[in-house]
């Protein structure tokens, strides 16, 4: 698993745009994103559980950055 994480860290692209939104029909979180190197954008649909985990990571990062 550590090898996979190292690979992703080395090949990560810089985000240009990230828009979190929700599907009102079922509550799934949808992340719309565009990287600097891409012409178009992509989107990911997260389950409600994964969306909650993603939000907790973002809020934790904001708190740590503020301190």
C-alpha atoms as a PDB file:
ATOM      1  CA  UNK A   1       0.000   0.000   0.000  1.00  0.00           C
ATOM      2  CA  UNK A   2       2.853   2.419   0.787  1.00  0.00           C
ATOM      3  CA  UNK A   3       4.210   1.935  -2.737  1.00  0.00           C
ATOM      4  CA  UNK A   4       0.831   2.950  -4.176  1.00  0.00           C
ATOM      5  CA  UNK A   5       0.710   6.092  -2.041  1.00  0.00           C
ATOM      6  CA  UNK A   6       4.263   7.046  -3.059  1.00  0.00           C
ATOM      7  CA  UNK A   7       3.313   6.554  -6.715  1.00  0.00           C
ATOM      8  CA  UNK A   8       0.253   8.804  -6.371  1.00  0.00           C
ATOM      9  CA  UNK A   9       2.277  11.455  -4.551  1.00  0.00           C
ATOM     10  CA  UNK A  10       4.880  11.489  -7.338  1.00  0.00           C
ATOM     11  CA  UNK A  11       2.380  11.621 -10.205  1.00  0.00           C
ATOM     12  CA  UNK A  12      -0.200  13.971  -8.634  1.00  0.00           C
ATOM     13  CA  UNK A  13      -1.515  16.726 -10.880  1.00  0.00           C
ATOM     14  CA  UNK A  14      -2.228  20.222  -9.569  1.00  0.00           C
ATOM     15  CA  UNK A  15      -5.936  21.051  -9.267  1.00  0.00           C
ATOM     16  CA  UNK A  16      -7.151  24.198 -10.965  1.00  0.00           C
ATOM     17  CA  UNK A  17     -10.794  23.948  -9.904  1.00  0.00           C
ATOM     18  CA  UNK A  18     -12.740  21.868  -7.365  1.00  0.00           C
ATOM     19  CA  UNK A  19     -16.505  22.227  -6.921  1.00  0.00           C
ATOM     20  CA  UNK A  20     -18.194  20.062  -4.276  1.00  0.00           C
ATOM     21  CA  UNK A  21     -21.928  19.713  -4.862  1.00  0.00           C
ATOM     22  CA  UNK A  22     -24.752  17.331  -3.894  1.00  0.00           C
ATOM     23  CA  UNK A  23     -27.253  15.238  -5.806  1.00  0.00           C
ATOM     24  CA  UNK A  24     -30.585  16.255  -4.232  1.00  0.00           C
ATOM     25  CA  UNK A  25     -32.200  13.000  -5.329  1.00  0.00           C
ATOM     26  CA  UNK A  26     -30.068  10.733  -3.133  1.00  0.00           C
ATOM     27  CA  UNK A  27     -27.688  12.931  -1.121  1.00  0.00           C
ATOM     28  CA  UNK A  28     -24.514  11.720  -2.846  1.00  0.00           C
ATOM     29  CA  UNK A  29     -21.673  14.227  -2.863  1.00  0.00           C
ATOM     30  CA  UNK A  30     -20.344  14.999  -6.333  1.00  0.00           C
ATOM     31  CA  UNK A  31     -16.880  16.478  -6.802  1.00  0.00           C
ATOM     32  CA  UNK A  32     -16.368  18.324 -10.073  1.00  0.00           C
ATOM     33  CA  UNK A  33     -12.718  19.036 -10.764  1.00  0.00           C
ATOM     34  CA  UNK A  34     -10.331  20.267 -13.417  1.00  0.00           C
ATOM     35  CA  UNK A  35      -6.557  19.901 -13.402  1.00  0.00           C
ATOM     36  CA  UNK A  36      -4.154  22.483 -14.793  1.00  0.00           C
ATOM     37  CA  UNK A  37      -3.002  20.102 -17.523  1.00  0.00           C
ATOM     38  CA  UNK A  38      -6.506  19.096 -18.678  1.00  0.00           C
ATOM     39  CA  UNK A  39      -8.738  20.844 -21.196  1.00  0.00           C
ATOM     40  CA  UNK A  40     -11.968  19.439 -19.778  1.00  0.00           C
ATOM     41  CA  UNK A  41     -13.159  18.523 -16.322  1.00  0.00           C
ATOM     42  CA  UNK A  42     -14.181  15.324 -14.579  1.00  0.00           C
ATOM     43  CA  UNK A  43     -16.544  14.448 -11.785  1.00  0.00           C
ATOM     44  CA  UNK A  44     -16.670  11.827  -9.056  1.00  0.00           C
ATOM     45  CA  UNK A  45     -19.762  10.641  -7.218  1.00  0.00           C
ATOM     46  CA  UNK A  46     -19.161   9.787  -3.557  1.00  0.00           C
ATOM     47  CA  UNK A  47     -21.446   7.801  -1.315  1.00  0.00           C
ATOM     48  CA  UNK A  48     -22.899   9.727   1.655  1.00  0.00           C
ATOM     49  CA  UNK A  49     -20.392   7.988   3.965  1.00  0.00           C
ATOM     50  CA  UNK A  50     -17.387   8.815   1.792  1.00  0.00           C
ATOM     51  CA  UNK A  51     -18.664  12.373   1.304  1.00  0.00           C
ATOM     52  CA  UNK A  52     -18.802  12.826   5.086  1.00  0.00           C
ATOM     53  CA  UNK A  53     -15.250  11.500   5.418  1.00  0.00           C
ATOM     54  CA  UNK A  54     -14.057  13.842   2.660  1.00  0.00           C
ATOM     55  CA  UNK A  55     -15.662  16.837   4.404  1.00  0.00           C
ATOM     56  CA  UNK A  56     -14.021  15.878   7.708  1.00  0.00           C
ATOM     57  CA  UNK A  57     -10.595  15.796   5.982  1.00  0.00           C
ATOM     58  CA  UNK A  58     -11.179  19.232   4.442  1.00  0.00           C
ATOM     59  CA  UNK A  59     -12.300  20.759   7.757  1.00  0.00           C
ATOM     60  CA  UNK A  60      -9.346  19.200   9.584  1.00  0.00           C
ATOM     61  CA  UNK A  61      -6.934  20.592   6.988  1.00  0.00           C
ATOM     62  CA  UNK A  62      -8.510  24.048   7.353  1.00  0.00           C
ATOM     63  CA  UNK A  63      -8.163  23.935  11.158  1.00  0.00           C
ATOM     64  CA  UNK A  64      -4.530  22.788  10.953  1.00  0.00           C
ATOM     65  CA  UNK A  65      -3.695  25.452   8.363  1.00  0.00           C
ATOM     66  CA  UNK A  66      -5.277  28.162  10.553  1.00  0.00           C
ATOM     67  CA  UNK A  67      -3.153  27.197  13.550  1.00  0.00           C
END
